[in-house]
Amino acid sequence: MKPAGGAGTGIDSERLRWPKRFLVRVLHVYFAVSRGMTLGVRAACFDDAGRIFLVRHTYVPGWHMPGGGVERGETAIEALFKEMREEGNLEAVEAPALFHVYFNARISGRDHVLLYRVDVRQTADRPADREIAECGFFHADALPEGTTEATKRRIAELRGDLGPAHYW
């Protein structure tokens, strides 16, 4: 029997965890029924100074490369350009190059991410809003505090310091 009280124990904490577990399960079932596999894109966007563009979202911790899901009826390149435009006012100056395909087991058992390397220019500053807390270009040796481990690894792979992993 669990103790009834104290931080993180007892009936009150069980009540808090149950709705979250239920919601996650419902979402997994929904995605399993509505989508056989999920596909996402990420853009390693470099400016003419060789700096990489990163974003910090309002709804998830850490700094990431721009990206998002590929929707029904949308090509991967269309999704890539849409995310670059929405998250950074970025446009490609050359055709994006597919760098690697990763399996992202942390999201679900069927999520894959296409990582593209793209030379870009920013058409206008990207102000903060409800989705993007902040964004900017950074030198690889001066990444902002809070850059995710996955983002750091992808940058090391792009630089040739590490071989590409197969898992995000």
Protein backbone atom coordinates (compact mmCIF):
# COMPACT_ATOMS: atom_id res chain seq x y z
CA MET A 1 0.00 0.00 0.00
CA LYS A 2 1.29 3.46 -0.89
CA PRO A 3 1.63 6.12 1.79
CA ALA A 4 -1.11 8.76 1.77
CA GLY A 5 0.80 12.00 1.72
CA GLY A 6 4.15 13.60 1.10
CA ALA A 7 5.62 15.02 -2.08
CA GLY A 8 5.31 12.72 -5.08
CA THR A 9 3.61 9.91 -3.16
CA GLY A 10 0.13 8.83 -2.27
CA ILE A 11 -3.30 9.33 -3.70
CA ASP A 12 -2.87 12.96 -4.77
CA SER A 13 0.16 12.23 -6.97
CA GLU A 14 -1.59 9.17 -8.42
CA ARG A 15 -4.52 11.40 -9.41
CA LEU A 16 -2.14 13.78 -11.16
CA ARG A 17 -0.33 11.02 -13.07
CA TRP A 18 -3.41 9.10 -14.17
CA PRO A 19 -4.86 11.81 -16.50
CA LYS A 20 -1.48 12.35 -18.11
CA ARG A 21 -0.95 8.62 -18.72
CA PHE A 22 -4.49 8.34 -20.09
CA LEU A 23 -4.02 11.32 -22.44
CA VAL A 24 -0.70 9.97 -23.74
CA ARG A 25 -2.31 6.57 -24.37
CA VAL A 26 -5.27 8.14 -26.20
CA LEU A 27 -2.91 10.16 -28.40
CA HIS A 28 -0.84 7.06 -29.21
CA VAL A 29 -3.96 5.16 -30.24
CA TYR A 30 -5.14 8.13 -32.34
CA PHE A 31 -1.80 8.39 -34.16
CA ALA A 32 -1.66 4.63 -34.68
CA VAL A 33 -5.10 4.69 -36.30
CA SER A 34 -4.71 7.94 -38.24
CA ARG A 35 -1.11 7.46 -39.36
CA GLY A 36 0.81 4.28 -40.09
CA MET A 37 4.10 6.08 -39.76
CA THR A 38 5.01 9.62 -38.84
CA LEU A 39 7.60 11.54 -40.81
CA GLY A 40 9.34 14.71 -39.80
CA VAL A 41 11.93 17.04 -41.26
CA ARG A 42 14.73 19.04 -39.64
CA ALA A 43 16.83 21.70 -41.34
CA ALA A 44 20.47 22.28 -40.48
CA CYS A 45 20.46 25.85 -41.78
CA PHE A 46 23.81 27.56 -42.31
CA ASP A 47 24.36 31.23 -43.18
CA ASP A 48 27.21 32.54 -45.32
CA ALA A 49 29.37 32.89 -42.16
CA GLY A 50 28.99 29.15 -41.45
CA ARG A 51 26.76 29.62 -38.42
CA ILE A 52 23.84 27.28 -37.73
CA PHE A 53 20.31 28.54 -37.08
CA LEU A 54 18.62 27.25 -33.91
CA VAL A 55 15.22 27.87 -32.33
CA ARG A 56 13.93 27.65 -28.78
CA HIS A 57 10.24 26.77 -28.71
CA THR A 58 7.81 27.85 -26.03
CA TYR A 59 6.35 24.35 -25.59
CA VAL A 60 9.46 22.13 -25.36
CA PRO A 61 12.78 22.75 -23.58
CA GLY A 62 16.07 23.30 -25.36
CA TRP A 63 17.44 24.69 -28.60
CA HIS A 64 16.68 22.76 -31.80
CA MET A 65 17.10 22.97 -35.54
CA PRO A 66 13.94 24.16 -37.31
CA GLY A 67 11.59 21.37 -38.27
CA GLY A 68 8.24 19.69 -37.96
CA GLY A 69 5.96 17.00 -39.30
CA VAL A 70 5.23 16.23 -42.93
CA GLU A 71 1.49 16.54 -43.37
CA ARG A 72 -0.74 14.50 -45.67
CA GLY A 73 -0.50 15.75 -49.26
CA GLU A 74 2.77 17.57 -48.54
CA THR A 75 6.22 16.59 -49.79
CA ALA A 76 9.19 16.50 -47.43
CA ILE A 77 10.77 19.48 -49.23
CA GLU A 78 7.54 21.48 -48.96
CA ALA A 79 7.42 20.73 -45.22
CA LEU A 80 11.09 21.69 -44.87
CA PHE A 81 10.63 25.04 -46.63
CA LYS A 82 7.44 25.73 -44.63
CA GLU A 83 9.19 25.09 -41.29
CA MET A 84 12.22 27.18 -42.29
CA ARG A 85 9.95 30.06 -43.26
CA GLU A 86 7.68 29.80 -40.20
CA GLU A 87 10.39 29.29 -37.59
CA GLY A 88 13.06 31.63 -38.91
CA ASN A 89 12.08 33.60 -42.01
CA LEU A 90 14.69 31.53 -43.82
CA GLU A 91 14.95 30.68 -47.49
CA ALA A 92 17.33 28.32 -49.20
CA VAL A 93 20.02 29.82 -51.44
CA GLU A 94 20.77 26.36 -52.92
CA ALA A 95 18.88 23.08 -53.07
CA PRO A 96 18.73 21.31 -49.68
CA ALA A 97 20.86 18.17 -49.38
CA LEU A 98 19.43 15.17 -47.54
CA PHE A 99 22.03 14.36 -44.89
CA HIS A 100 20.55 11.33 -43.14
CA VAL A 101 17.34 9.54 -42.11
CA TYR A 102 16.90 8.86 -38.39
CA PHE A 103 14.52 6.70 -36.38
CA ASN A 104 13.08 8.63 -33.43
CA ALA A 105 11.97 5.94 -30.99
CA ARG A 106 11.33 8.51 -28.23
CA ILE A 107 8.20 9.77 -29.96
CA SER A 108 6.69 6.47 -31.07
CA GLY A 109 7.68 3.18 -32.60
CA ARG A 110 7.16 4.57 -36.11
CA ASP A 111 8.61 8.11 -36.22
CA HIS A 112 11.34 8.96 -38.75
CA VAL A 113 13.16 12.26 -39.23
CA LEU A 114 14.79 13.46 -42.45
CA LEU A 115 17.71 15.81 -41.74
CA TYR A 116 18.63 18.21 -44.54
CA ARG A 117 21.65 20.49 -44.76
CA VAL A 118 20.64 23.86 -46.23
CA ASP A 119 22.53 27.05 -47.03
CA VAL A 120 20.13 29.88 -46.20
CA ARG A 121 19.57 33.57 -45.91
CA GLN A 122 17.20 35.21 -43.48
CA THR A 123 14.68 37.48 -45.18
CA ALA A 124 13.68 39.29 -41.95
CA ASP A 125 14.24 39.01 -38.22
CA ARG A 126 12.00 36.45 -36.55
CA PRO A 127 10.26 38.00 -33.52
CA ALA A 128 9.19 35.88 -30.58
CA ASP A 129 5.59 34.65 -30.49
CA ARG A 130 3.48 31.88 -28.93
CA GLU A 131 5.51 29.15 -30.69
CA ILE A 132 9.07 30.51 -30.89
CA ALA A 133 10.60 32.01 -27.73
CA GLU A 134 13.85 32.98 -29.47
CA CYS A 135 16.04 32.03 -32.39
CA GLY A 136 19.32 32.92 -34.04
CA PHE A 137 22.51 31.91 -35.79
CA PHE A 138 25.32 30.41 -33.70
CA HIS A 139 28.88 29.25 -34.30
CA ALA A 140 29.21 25.49 -33.71
CA ASP A 141 31.75 26.11 -30.95
CA ALA A 142 29.49 28.67 -29.22
CA LEU A 143 26.05 27.04 -29.04
CA PRO A 144 23.53 28.52 -26.61
CA GLU A 145 23.11 27.01 -23.17
CA GLY A 146 20.33 24.46 -23.29
CA THR A 147 21.09 23.13 -26.78
CA THR A 148 19.75 19.57 -26.76
CA GLU A 149 22.11 16.61 -26.86
CA ALA A 150 20.46 15.40 -30.08
CA THR A 151 21.08 18.78 -31.71
CA LYS A 152 24.72 18.79 -30.57
CA ARG A 153 25.19 15.28 -31.97
CA ARG A 154 23.62 16.21 -35.34
CA ILE A 155 25.96 19.21 -35.59
CA ALA A 156 28.97 16.99 -34.80
CA GLU A 157 27.80 14.56 -37.51
CA LEU A 158 27.40 17.38 -40.03
CA ARG A 159 30.92 18.61 -39.24
CA GLY A 160 32.31 15.09 -39.73
CA ASP A 161 33.37 14.74 -36.09
CA LEU A 162 31.06 11.73 -35.66
CA GLY A 163 29.52 9.23 -38.05
CA PRO A 164 25.74 9.56 -38.45
CA ALA A 165 23.73 7.64 -35.89
CA HIS A 166 20.60 5.86 -37.02
CA TYR A 167 18.56 6.97 -33.99
CA TRP A 168 17.67 10.60 -33.34
